[in-house]
Amino acid sequence: MQPKAMKLAGLAIALLGMVWLSQGIYIQAKALLAQKLLQSAWQQTLQGKSKVKPWAWADTWPVARLRVPSRNIDLIILEGATGRSLAFAPGHMQGTPAPGDRGFSVISAHRDTHFAFLRNLQSGETLHLQSGSGASRTYQVAAMQVVDADNASVPINATDRGLLLVTCYPFDQLGAGSRQRYLVYAIESKSPEGEDV
């Protein structure tokens, strides 16, 4: 190969690498910045306002706040688990109980941004969820499971109050479009007398 052609090939490879790197940085930056912008909408929600849009063009709104102290995680949860909402924050899957209500609320997020911490989460770890009404509930991680995205059956007791956190799997897959999902089951913690914690 001629020196000029080698230089051009090297430049093309470097430019392609820079594009891939910048896309990865952009996704991470957007996810972090969105959580900062969502804090204002969340505070308004806690003050009793309904369906507060975090920015003018948003088609979603904050419904809960999820904290995992052991992992230094503090996330605002949006209503709806669409591709647009998941670009900014974890999303509550419509058709499942609202976060904090009786039953299992399903919350989904991307494996490489907001739910990247799930890969290290252990049974027994504590999750704290605050609903839009301001009520707080504590959950403990009960189990983790990998399922096929098309044939997932989730063995849960609908009378329990819990969270089902869902993300794509495997965590270190480079491309989009995984056929597997990683599920984390968390059950509401109860005090010894059976009262909500």
N, C-alpha and C. Protein backbone atom coordinates (compact mmCIF):
# COMPACT_ATOMS: atom_id res chain seq x y z
N MET A 1 0.84 -1.18 0.00
CA MET A 1 0.00 0.00 0.00
C MET A 1 0.89 1.24 0.00
N GLN A 2 0.48 2.24 -0.74
CA GLN A 2 1.21 3.50 -0.86
C GLN A 2 1.12 4.27 0.46
N PRO A 3 2.17 5.03 0.81
CA PRO A 3 2.15 5.81 2.05
C PRO A 3 0.95 6.75 2.14
N LYS A 4 0.58 7.38 0.99
CA LYS A 4 -0.55 8.30 1.02
C LYS A 4 -1.85 7.54 1.32
N ALA A 5 -2.03 6.36 0.73
CA ALA A 5 -3.23 5.56 0.96
C ALA A 5 -3.27 5.07 2.41
N MET A 6 -2.09 4.72 2.96
CA MET A 6 -2.05 4.28 4.35
C MET A 6 -2.44 5.42 5.29
N LYS A 7 -1.98 6.64 4.99
CA LYS A 7 -2.34 7.79 5.81
C LYS A 7 -3.85 8.04 5.75
N LEU A 8 -4.41 7.95 4.54
CA LEU A 8 -5.86 8.17 4.39
C LEU A 8 -6.65 7.09 5.12
N ALA A 9 -6.19 5.84 5.03
CA ALA A 9 -6.88 4.74 5.74
C ALA A 9 -6.79 4.96 7.25
N GLY A 10 -5.63 5.37 7.72
CA GLY A 10 -5.46 5.64 9.15
C GLY A 10 -6.34 6.79 9.61
N LEU A 11 -6.44 7.83 8.79
CA LEU A 11 -7.29 8.98 9.11
C LEU A 11 -8.76 8.56 9.15
N ALA A 12 -9.17 7.74 8.19
CA ALA A 12 -10.56 7.27 8.15
C ALA A 12 -10.89 6.44 9.39
N ILE A 13 -9.98 5.57 9.79
CA ILE A 13 -10.19 4.74 10.99
C ILE A 13 -10.25 5.62 12.23
N ALA A 14 -9.37 6.60 12.31
CA ALA A 14 -9.37 7.52 13.46
C ALA A 14 -10.67 8.31 13.52
N LEU A 15 -11.15 8.80 12.39
CA LEU A 15 -12.41 9.55 12.35
C LEU A 15 -13.59 8.67 12.76
N LEU A 16 -13.60 7.44 12.27
CA LEU A 16 -14.67 6.51 12.64
C LEU A 16 -14.65 6.24 14.14
N GLY A 17 -13.47 6.06 14.70
CA GLY A 17 -13.33 5.87 16.14
C GLY A 17 -13.82 7.07 16.92
N MET A 18 -13.51 8.27 16.43
CA MET A 18 -13.96 9.48 17.10
C MET A 18 -15.48 9.61 17.05
N VAL A 19 -16.09 9.22 15.93
CA VAL A 19 -17.56 9.26 15.83
C VAL A 19 -18.17 8.31 16.84
N TRP A 20 -17.68 7.07 16.91
CA TRP A 20 -18.22 6.10 17.87
C TRP A 20 -18.03 6.58 19.31
N LEU A 21 -16.86 7.11 19.60
CA LEU A 21 -16.59 7.61 20.95
C LEU A 21 -17.50 8.78 21.30
N SER A 22 -17.67 9.70 20.35
CA SER A 22 -18.53 10.86 20.63
C SER A 22 -19.98 10.45 20.82
N GLN A 23 -20.46 9.43 20.09
CA GLN A 23 -21.82 8.95 20.29
C GLN A 23 -21.98 8.37 21.69
N GLY A 24 -21.01 7.61 22.14
CA GLY A 24 -21.06 7.05 23.49
C GLY A 24 -21.04 8.13 24.56
N ILE A 25 -20.21 9.14 24.37
CA ILE A 25 -20.14 10.25 25.32
C ILE A 25 -21.45 11.03 25.30
N TYR A 26 -22.03 11.25 24.12
CA TYR A 26 -23.28 11.98 23.99
C TYR A 26 -24.40 11.27 24.76
N ILE A 27 -24.52 9.97 24.61
CA ILE A 27 -25.57 9.21 25.30
C ILE A 27 -25.40 9.33 26.80
N GLN A 28 -24.18 9.18 27.30
CA GLN A 28 -23.93 9.29 28.73
C GLN A 28 -24.22 10.70 29.23
N ALA A 29 -23.78 11.70 28.49
CA ALA A 29 -23.99 13.09 28.90
C ALA A 29 -25.47 13.44 28.92
N LYS A 30 -26.21 12.97 27.91
CA LYS A 30 -27.65 13.24 27.85
C LYS A 30 -28.36 12.60 29.04
N ALA A 31 -27.97 11.38 29.40
CA ALA A 31 -28.59 10.68 30.53
C ALA A 31 -28.32 11.43 31.84
N LEU A 32 -27.09 11.91 32.03
CA LEU A 32 -26.75 12.65 33.26
C LEU A 32 -27.44 14.01 33.31
N LEU A 33 -27.41 14.74 32.21
CA LEU A 33 -28.02 16.06 32.18
C LEU A 33 -29.54 15.96 32.40
N ALA A 34 -30.17 14.97 31.80
CA ALA A 34 -31.62 14.80 31.96
C ALA A 34 -31.99 14.61 33.42
N GLN A 35 -31.23 13.84 34.17
CA GLN A 35 -31.55 13.64 35.58
C GLN A 35 -31.49 14.96 36.34
N LYS A 36 -30.57 15.84 35.97
CA LYS A 36 -30.50 17.16 36.62
C LYS A 36 -31.74 17.98 36.28
N LEU A 37 -32.16 17.97 35.02
CA LEU A 37 -33.35 18.72 34.61
C LEU A 37 -34.62 18.14 35.23
N LEU A 38 -34.65 16.83 35.43
CA LEU A 38 -35.83 16.18 36.00
C LEU A 38 -36.03 16.53 37.47
N GLN A 39 -34.97 16.93 38.17
CA GLN A 39 -35.09 17.26 39.59
C GLN A 39 -36.11 18.38 39.82
N SER A 40 -36.10 19.39 38.96
CA SER A 40 -37.05 20.49 39.11
C SER A 40 -38.48 20.01 38.92
N ALA A 41 -38.73 19.22 37.88
CA ALA A 41 -40.07 18.68 37.64
C ALA A 41 -40.49 17.77 38.79
N TRP A 42 -39.55 17.03 39.37
CA TRP A 42 -39.86 16.15 40.49
C TRP A 42 -40.28 16.97 41.72
N GLN A 43 -39.57 18.05 41.99
CA GLN A 43 -39.92 18.89 43.13
C GLN A 43 -41.33 19.47 42.97
N GLN A 44 -41.69 19.86 41.76
CA GLN A 44 -43.04 20.37 41.50
C GLN A 44 -44.08 19.27 41.69
N THR A 45 -43.73 18.05 41.30
CA THR A 45 -44.64 16.91 41.49
C THR A 45 -44.88 16.69 42.97
N LEU A 46 -43.83 16.74 43.78
CA LEU A 46 -43.97 16.55 45.22
C LEU A 46 -44.80 17.66 45.87
N GLN A 47 -44.85 18.81 45.22
CA GLN A 47 -45.66 19.93 45.72
C GLN A 47 -47.12 19.82 45.29
N GLY A 48 -47.48 18.72 44.61
CA GLY A 48 -48.87 18.48 44.26
C GLY A 48 -49.25 18.75 42.82
N LYS A 49 -48.32 19.20 42.00
CA LYS A 49 -48.64 19.42 40.59
C LYS A 49 -48.69 18.08 39.86
N SER A 50 -49.52 17.99 38.85
CA SER A 50 -49.73 16.73 38.14
C SER A 50 -49.09 16.76 36.75
N LYS A 51 -48.48 15.67 36.39
CA LYS A 51 -47.89 15.48 35.05
C LYS A 51 -47.02 16.66 34.62
N VAL A 52 -46.05 16.98 35.47
CA VAL A 52 -45.14 18.11 35.20
C VAL A 52 -44.11 17.69 34.16
N LYS A 53 -44.13 18.33 33.01
CA LYS A 53 -43.17 18.03 31.95
C LYS A 53 -41.82 18.64 32.30
N PRO A 54 -40.75 17.85 32.21
CA PRO A 54 -39.42 18.37 32.58
C PRO A 54 -38.85 19.37 31.56
N TRP A 55 -39.33 19.35 30.32
CA TRP A 55 -38.96 20.31 29.30
C TRP A 55 -40.15 20.44 28.37
N ALA A 56 -40.23 21.52 27.64
CA ALA A 56 -41.44 21.89 26.91
C ALA A 56 -41.93 20.81 25.95
N TRP A 57 -41.06 20.10 25.29
CA TRP A 57 -41.46 19.13 24.27
C TRP A 57 -41.62 17.71 24.82
N ALA A 58 -41.48 17.55 26.11
CA ALA A 58 -41.57 16.21 26.72
C ALA A 58 -42.97 15.64 26.58
N ASP A 59 -43.04 14.33 26.36
CA ASP A 59 -44.33 13.63 26.33
C ASP A 59 -44.42 12.67 27.53
N THR A 60 -43.66 12.97 28.56
CA THR A 60 -43.62 12.15 29.77
C THR A 60 -43.39 13.07 30.97
N TRP A 61 -43.46 12.49 32.16
CA TRP A 61 -43.32 13.27 33.38
C TRP A 61 -42.81 12.37 34.50
N PRO A 62 -42.21 12.93 35.55
CA PRO A 62 -41.70 12.13 36.66
C PRO A 62 -42.84 11.49 37.46
N VAL A 63 -42.66 10.21 37.82
CA VAL A 63 -43.66 9.50 38.64
C VAL A 63 -43.06 8.95 39.93
N ALA A 64 -41.74 8.85 40.02
CA ALA A 64 -41.12 8.28 41.22
C ALA A 64 -39.64 8.64 41.25
N ARG A 65 -39.05 8.39 42.41
CA ARG A 65 -37.61 8.56 42.60
C ARG A 65 -37.09 7.27 43.20
N LEU A 66 -36.06 6.70 42.59
CA LEU A 66 -35.46 5.45 43.05
C LEU A 66 -34.05 5.75 43.55
N ARG A 67 -33.79 5.31 44.80
CA ARG A 67 -32.45 5.48 45.38
C ARG A 67 -31.92 4.13 45.81
N VAL A 68 -30.64 3.91 45.54
CA VAL A 68 -29.93 2.72 45.99
C VAL A 68 -28.68 3.22 46.71
N PRO A 69 -28.78 3.45 48.03
CA PRO A 69 -27.66 4.06 48.77
C PRO A 69 -26.35 3.30 48.65
N SER A 70 -26.40 1.98 48.62
CA SER A 70 -25.17 1.19 48.56
C SER A 70 -24.42 1.37 47.25
N ARG A 71 -25.11 1.87 46.22
CA ARG A 71 -24.50 2.06 44.90
C ARG A 71 -24.42 3.54 44.51
N ASN A 72 -24.78 4.42 45.44
CA ASN A 72 -24.78 5.86 45.18
C ASN A 72 -25.65 6.20 43.97
N ILE A 73 -26.82 5.58 43.90
CA ILE A 73 -27.76 5.76 42.79
C ILE A 73 -28.94 6.59 43.28
N ASP A 74 -29.31 7.59 42.49
CA ASP A 74 -30.47 8.44 42.78
C ASP A 74 -31.06 8.83 41.43
N LEU A 75 -32.20 8.21 41.07
CA LEU A 75 -32.78 8.37 39.74
C LEU A 75 -34.23 8.81 39.81
N ILE A 76 -34.61 9.70 38.92
CA ILE A 76 -36.01 10.06 38.73
C ILE A 76 -36.57 9.09 37.68
N ILE A 77 -37.76 8.56 37.94
CA ILE A 77 -38.42 7.61 37.04
C ILE A 77 -39.48 8.36 36.25
N LEU A 78 -39.50 8.18 34.93
CA LEU A 78 -40.48 8.81 34.06
C LEU A 78 -41.65 7.86 33.79
N GLU A 79 -42.79 8.42 33.43
CA GLU A 79 -43.93 7.61 33.03
C GLU A 79 -43.72 7.15 31.59
N GLY A 80 -43.88 5.85 31.37
CA GLY A 80 -43.71 5.28 30.04
C GLY A 80 -42.31 4.76 29.82
N ALA A 81 -42.24 3.60 29.20
CA ALA A 81 -40.94 2.98 28.92
C ALA A 81 -40.69 2.96 27.41
N THR A 82 -40.91 4.11 26.79
CA THR A 82 -40.67 4.23 25.35
C THR A 82 -39.20 4.54 25.09
N GLY A 83 -38.78 4.37 23.87
CA GLY A 83 -37.40 4.68 23.52
C GLY A 83 -37.03 6.12 23.81
N ARG A 84 -37.99 7.03 23.58
CA ARG A 84 -37.70 8.45 23.83
C ARG A 84 -37.51 8.74 25.31
N SER A 85 -38.36 8.15 26.16
CA SER A 85 -38.21 8.44 27.59
C SER A 85 -36.99 7.74 28.17
N LEU A 86 -36.69 6.51 27.70
CA LEU A 86 -35.54 5.78 28.23
C LEU A 86 -34.21 6.43 27.86
N ALA A 87 -34.21 7.30 26.88
CA ALA A 87 -32.98 8.03 26.55
C ALA A 87 -32.60 9.00 27.65
N PHE A 88 -33.60 9.39 28.47
CA PHE A 88 -33.37 10.40 29.51
C PHE A 88 -33.38 9.85 30.93
N ALA A 89 -34.12 8.76 31.15
CA ALA A 89 -34.29 8.26 32.51
C ALA A 89 -34.92 6.88 32.46
N PRO A 90 -34.91 6.15 33.58
CA PRO A 90 -35.68 4.91 33.64
C PRO A 90 -37.16 5.24 33.45
N GLY A 91 -37.91 4.28 32.92
CA GLY A 91 -39.33 4.50 32.67
C GLY A 91 -40.21 3.46 33.32
N HIS A 92 -41.34 3.92 33.83
CA HIS A 92 -42.36 3.01 34.40
C HIS A 92 -43.18 2.45 33.24
N MET A 93 -43.28 1.13 33.19
CA MET A 93 -44.01 0.47 32.11
C MET A 93 -45.50 0.64 32.35
N GLN A 94 -46.16 1.32 31.42
CA GLN A 94 -47.60 1.52 31.52
C GLN A 94 -48.30 0.17 31.51
N GLY A 95 -49.40 0.10 32.25
CA GLY A 95 -50.13 -1.16 32.36
C GLY A 95 -49.72 -1.96 33.58
N THR A 96 -48.68 -1.53 34.27
CA THR A 96 -48.29 -2.17 35.53
C THR A 96 -48.62 -1.18 36.66
N PRO A 97 -48.74 -1.67 37.89
CA PRO A 97 -49.07 -0.75 38.99
C PRO A 97 -48.10 0.42 39.07
N ALA A 98 -48.62 1.55 39.48
CA ALA A 98 -47.76 2.73 39.65
C ALA A 98 -46.69 2.43 40.69
N PRO A 99 -45.50 3.00 40.55
CA PRO A 99 -44.45 2.76 41.54
C PRO A 99 -44.95 3.07 42.96
N GLY A 100 -44.83 2.08 43.84
CA GLY A 100 -45.26 2.21 45.22
C GLY A 100 -46.63 1.61 45.49
N ASP A 101 -47.44 1.37 44.44
CA ASP A 101 -48.76 0.76 44.62
C ASP A 101 -48.62 -0.75 44.82
N ARG A 102 -49.73 -1.37 45.29
CA ARG A 102 -49.75 -2.83 45.47
C ARG A 102 -49.57 -3.50 44.12
N GLY A 103 -48.85 -4.59 44.10
CA GLY A 103 -48.51 -5.30 42.88
C GLY A 103 -47.06 -5.01 42.50
N PHE A 104 -46.64 -5.51 41.37
CA PHE A 104 -45.27 -5.29 40.91
C PHE A 104 -45.24 -4.21 39.85
N SER A 105 -44.57 -3.14 40.17
CA SER A 105 -44.35 -2.05 39.24
C SER A 105 -43.12 -2.39 38.41
N VAL A 106 -43.23 -2.31 37.10
CA VAL A 106 -42.12 -2.63 36.21
C VAL A 106 -41.44 -1.33 35.78
N ILE A 107 -40.14 -1.27 36.01
CA ILE A 107 -39.33 -0.11 35.64
C ILE A 107 -38.20 -0.59 34.76
N SER A 108 -38.04 0.07 33.63
CA SER A 108 -37.04 -0.33 32.64
C SER A 108 -36.07 0.81 32.38
N ALA A 109 -34.83 0.44 32.04
CA ALA A 109 -33.82 1.45 31.66
C ALA A 109 -32.73 0.76 30.85
N HIS A 110 -31.91 1.57 30.23
CA HIS A 110 -30.82 1.04 29.41
C HIS A 110 -29.70 0.46 30.29
N ARG A 111 -29.10 -0.61 29.81
CA ARG A 111 -28.03 -1.30 30.54
C ARG A 111 -26.73 -0.51 30.58
N ASP A 112 -26.56 0.43 29.66
CA ASP A 112 -25.29 1.16 29.59
C ASP A 112 -25.39 2.57 30.17
N THR A 113 -26.57 2.93 30.71
CA THR A 113 -26.69 4.24 31.35
C THR A 113 -27.29 4.05 32.75
N HIS A 114 -28.57 4.29 32.90
CA HIS A 114 -29.19 4.33 34.22
C HIS A 114 -29.22 2.99 34.96
N PHE A 115 -29.35 1.88 34.25
CA PHE A 115 -29.38 0.58 34.93
C PHE A 115 -28.08 -0.21 34.78
N ALA A 116 -26.99 0.45 34.48
CA ALA A 116 -25.69 -0.23 34.42
C ALA A 116 -25.33 -0.82 35.78
N PHE A 117 -25.81 -0.19 36.87
CA PHE A 117 -25.50 -0.67 38.22
C PHE A 117 -26.14 -2.01 38.54
N LEU A 118 -27.15 -2.43 37.79
CA LEU A 118 -27.82 -3.70 38.09
C LEU A 118 -26.88 -4.90 38.00
N ARG A 119 -25.87 -4.81 37.17
CA ARG A 119 -24.95 -5.95 37.01
C ARG A 119 -24.24 -6.28 38.31
N ASN A 120 -24.08 -5.32 39.22
CA ASN A 120 -23.38 -5.55 40.48
C ASN A 120 -24.30 -5.64 41.69
N LEU A 121 -25.59 -5.44 41.49
CA LEU A 121 -26.55 -5.47 42.59
C LEU A 121 -26.63 -6.89 43.16
N GLN A 122 -26.73 -7.00 44.47
CA GLN A 122 -26.74 -8.29 45.15
C GLN A 122 -28.06 -8.50 45.89
N SER A 123 -28.42 -9.77 46.07
CA SER A 123 -29.61 -10.09 46.88
C SER A 123 -29.45 -9.47 48.26
N GLY A 124 -30.55 -8.93 48.78
CA GLY A 124 -30.53 -8.33 50.10
C GLY A 124 -30.25 -6.84 50.11
N GLU A 125 -29.76 -6.27 49.00
CA GLU A 125 -29.50 -4.83 48.97
C GLU A 125 -30.83 -4.08 49.05
N THR A 126 -30.76 -2.87 49.58
CA THR A 126 -31.95 -2.06 49.83
C THR A 126 -32.16 -1.02 48.74
N LEU A 127 -33.41 -0.90 48.31
CA LEU A 127 -33.83 0.13 47.36
C LEU A 127 -34.88 1.00 48.05
N HIS A 128 -34.84 2.29 47.80
CA HIS A 128 -35.84 3.21 48.35
C HIS A 128 -36.59 3.85 47.19
N LEU A 129 -37.91 3.83 47.27
CA LEU A 129 -38.73 4.41 46.23
C LEU A 129 -39.65 5.46 46.84
N GLN A 130 -39.66 6.63 46.25
CA GLN A 130 -40.57 7.69 46.66
C GLN A 130 -41.55 7.91 45.53
N SER A 131 -42.85 7.86 45.83
CA SER A 131 -43.88 8.08 44.81
C SER A 131 -44.15 9.57 44.66
N GLY A 132 -44.93 9.93 43.65
CA GLY A 132 -45.25 11.33 43.40
C GLY A 132 -46.02 11.98 44.53
N SER A 133 -46.67 11.19 45.37
CA SER A 133 -47.39 11.73 46.52
C SER A 133 -46.44 12.07 47.67
N GLY A 134 -45.20 11.63 47.55
CA GLY A 134 -44.22 11.84 48.60
C GLY A 134 -44.04 10.64 49.51
N ALA A 135 -44.92 9.63 49.38
CA ALA A 135 -44.81 8.42 50.20
C ALA A 135 -43.54 7.65 49.83
N SER A 136 -42.86 7.13 50.84
CA SER A 136 -41.63 6.37 50.62
C SER A 136 -41.82 4.93 51.02
N ARG A 137 -41.23 4.04 50.24
CA ARG A 137 -41.26 2.61 50.54
C ARG A 137 -39.84 2.06 50.38
N THR A 138 -39.57 1.02 51.15
CA THR A 138 -38.26 0.37 51.11
C THR A 138 -38.44 -1.04 50.58
N TYR A 139 -37.54 -1.44 49.70
CA TYR A 139 -37.59 -2.76 49.07
C TYR A 139 -36.24 -3.43 49.26
N GLN A 140 -36.27 -4.77 49.26
CA GLN A 140 -35.01 -5.53 49.28
C GLN A 140 -34.94 -6.39 48.03
N VAL A 141 -33.75 -6.43 47.44
CA VAL A 141 -33.53 -7.26 46.26
C VAL A 141 -33.69 -8.71 46.68
N ALA A 142 -34.59 -9.41 46.00
CA ALA A 142 -34.89 -10.80 46.33
C ALA A 142 -34.24 -11.78 45.35
N ALA A 143 -34.16 -11.41 44.08
CA ALA A 143 -33.62 -12.34 43.08
C ALA A 143 -33.28 -11.59 41.80
N MET A 144 -32.43 -12.23 41.00
CA MET A 144 -32.08 -11.73 39.68
C MET A 144 -32.27 -12.90 38.72
N GLN A 145 -32.63 -12.58 37.47
CA GLN A 145 -32.89 -13.64 36.49
C GLN A 145 -32.64 -13.10 35.09
N VAL A 146 -32.12 -13.95 34.20
CA VAL A 146 -31.98 -13.63 32.78
C VAL A 146 -33.06 -14.41 32.04
N VAL A 147 -33.83 -13.70 31.19
CA VAL A 147 -34.91 -14.35 30.45
C VAL A 147 -34.81 -13.98 28.98
N ASP A 148 -35.45 -14.77 28.14
CA ASP A 148 -35.58 -14.47 26.73
C ASP A 148 -36.63 -13.37 26.56
N ALA A 149 -36.34 -12.37 25.77
CA ALA A 149 -37.25 -11.23 25.63
C ALA A 149 -38.61 -11.63 25.08
N ASP A 150 -38.65 -12.65 24.23
CA ASP A 150 -39.92 -13.05 23.60
C ASP A 150 -40.73 -14.03 24.45
N ASN A 151 -40.08 -14.79 25.30
CA ASN A 151 -40.78 -15.83 26.06
C ASN A 151 -40.62 -15.65 27.56
N ALA A 152 -40.66 -14.40 28.00
CA ALA A 152 -40.46 -14.13 29.42
C ALA A 152 -41.75 -14.37 30.20
N SER A 153 -41.67 -15.23 31.18
CA SER A 153 -42.77 -15.36 32.13
C SER A 153 -42.19 -15.01 33.49
N VAL A 154 -42.88 -14.15 34.20
CA VAL A 154 -42.36 -13.63 35.45
C VAL A 154 -43.18 -14.19 36.60
N PRO A 155 -42.58 -15.10 37.41
CA PRO A 155 -43.31 -15.71 38.52
C PRO A 155 -43.36 -14.80 39.73
N ILE A 156 -44.37 -13.92 39.76
CA ILE A 156 -44.50 -13.00 40.89
C ILE A 156 -45.88 -13.10 41.48
N ASN A 157 -45.98 -12.78 42.74
CA ASN A 157 -47.26 -12.78 43.44
C ASN A 157 -47.84 -11.37 43.34
N ALA A 158 -48.96 -11.24 42.64
CA ALA A 158 -49.55 -9.92 42.39
C ALA A 158 -50.01 -9.22 43.66
N THR A 159 -50.18 -9.97 44.75
CA THR A 159 -50.62 -9.33 45.99
C THR A 159 -49.47 -8.69 46.76
N ASP A 160 -48.23 -9.07 46.43
CA ASP A 160 -47.07 -8.42 47.05
C ASP A 160 -46.92 -7.02 46.48
N ARG A 161 -46.17 -6.21 47.18
CA ARG A 161 -45.80 -4.90 46.65
C ARG A 161 -44.33 -5.00 46.33
N GLY A 162 -43.99 -4.76 45.06
CA GLY A 162 -42.60 -4.90 44.68
C GLY A 162 -42.24 -4.13 43.43
N LEU A 163 -40.97 -4.22 43.10
CA LEU A 163 -40.44 -3.61 41.90
C LEU A 163 -39.81 -4.69 41.04
N LEU A 164 -39.99 -4.57 39.76
CA LEU A 164 -39.30 -5.43 38.80
C LEU A 164 -38.50 -4.49 37.91
N LEU A 165 -37.18 -4.53 38.06
CA LEU A 165 -36.28 -3.68 37.28
C LEU A 165 -35.80 -4.49 36.08
N VAL A 166 -35.92 -3.92 34.89
CA VAL A 166 -35.64 -4.65 33.66
C VAL A 166 -34.65 -3.88 32.80
N THR A 167 -33.67 -4.60 32.27
CA THR A 167 -32.74 -4.01 31.31
C THR A 167 -32.30 -5.07 30.32
N CYS A 168 -31.68 -4.65 29.23
CA CYS A 168 -31.17 -5.61 28.25
C CYS A 168 -29.96 -6.35 28.81
N TYR A 169 -29.70 -7.53 28.25
CA TYR A 169 -28.60 -8.37 28.70
C TYR A 169 -27.99 -9.03 27.47
N PRO A 170 -26.69 -9.25 27.40
CA PRO A 170 -25.67 -9.04 28.43
C PRO A 170 -25.27 -7.57 28.54
N PHE A 171 -24.71 -7.23 29.70
CA PHE A 171 -24.37 -5.85 29.99
C PHE A 171 -23.28 -5.30 29.08
N ASP A 172 -22.32 -6.13 28.69
CA ASP A 172 -21.20 -5.61 27.91
C ASP A 172 -21.34 -5.85 26.41
N GLN A 173 -22.55 -6.12 25.93
CA GLN A 173 -22.77 -6.25 24.49
C GLN A 173 -22.57 -4.89 23.85
N LEU A 174 -21.86 -4.85 22.73
CA LEU A 174 -21.53 -3.57 22.11
C LEU A 174 -22.69 -2.99 21.32
N GLY A 175 -23.42 -3.83 20.61
CA GLY A 175 -24.50 -3.32 19.76
C GLY A 175 -25.83 -3.29 20.48
N ALA A 176 -26.79 -2.63 19.84
CA ALA A 176 -28.15 -2.58 20.37
C ALA A 176 -28.91 -3.83 19.94
N GLY A 177 -30.06 -4.04 20.56
CA GLY A 177 -30.93 -5.12 20.11
C GLY A 177 -30.66 -6.47 20.71
N SER A 178 -30.59 -6.57 21.99
CA SER A 178 -30.37 -7.86 22.66
C SER A 178 -31.67 -8.64 22.71
N ARG A 179 -31.58 -9.95 22.68
CA ARG A 179 -32.75 -10.82 22.77
C ARG A 179 -32.99 -11.29 24.21
N GLN A 180 -32.15 -10.88 25.12
CA GLN A 180 -32.31 -11.29 26.51
C GLN A 180 -32.56 -10.08 27.40
N ARG A 181 -33.21 -10.33 28.54
CA ARG A 181 -33.46 -9.27 29.51
C ARG A 181 -32.96 -9.73 30.88
N TYR A 182 -32.41 -8.78 31.64
CA TYR A 182 -31.96 -9.02 32.99
C TYR A 182 -33.01 -8.45 33.92
N LEU A 183 -33.55 -9.28 34.81
CA LEU A 183 -34.62 -8.88 35.72
C LEU A 183 -34.11 -8.87 37.15
N VAL A 184 -34.48 -7.83 37.88
CA VAL A 184 -34.18 -7.75 39.30
C VAL A 184 -35.52 -7.63 40.03
N TYR A 185 -35.80 -8.59 40.93
CA TYR A 185 -37.02 -8.57 41.73
C TYR A 185 -36.68 -7.97 43.09
N ALA A 186 -37.47 -6.99 43.50
CA ALA A 186 -37.30 -6.40 44.82
C ALA A 186 -38.66 -6.39 45.51
N ILE A 187 -38.70 -6.90 46.74
CA ILE A 187 -39.94 -7.03 47.51
C ILE A 187 -39.94 -5.97 48.60
N GLU A 188 -41.12 -5.41 48.86
CA GLU A 188 -41.23 -4.40 49.91
C GLU A 188 -40.82 -4.97 51.25
N SER A 189 -40.02 -4.21 51.98
CA SER A 189 -39.60 -4.60 53.33
C SER A 189 -40.72 -4.32 54.30
N LYS A 190 -40.88 -5.19 55.25
CA LYS A 190 -41.91 -5.03 56.30
C LYS A 190 -41.22 -4.99 57.65
N SER A 191 -41.83 -4.24 58.56
CA SER A 191 -41.33 -4.25 59.95
C SER A 191 -41.76 -5.53 60.62
N PRO A 192 -41.18 -5.91 61.78
CA PRO A 192 -41.56 -7.14 62.45
C PRO A 192 -43.05 -7.25 62.76
N GLU A 193 -43.73 -6.12 62.96
CA GLU A 193 -45.16 -6.16 63.25
C GLU A 193 -46.00 -6.26 61.99
N GLY A 194 -45.35 -6.28 60.81
CA GLY A 194 -46.08 -6.38 59.58
C GLY A 194 -46.47 -5.03 58.98
N GLU A 195 -46.05 -3.95 59.61
CA GLU A 195 -46.36 -2.63 59.09
C GLU A 195 -45.36 -2.27 57.99
N ASP A 196 -45.78 -1.41 57.08
CA ASP A 196 -44.89 -0.93 56.03
C ASP A 196 -43.77 -0.13 56.68
N VAL A 197 -42.59 -0.29 56.11
CA VAL A 197 -41.43 0.45 56.61
C VAL A 197 -41.38 1.80 55.93
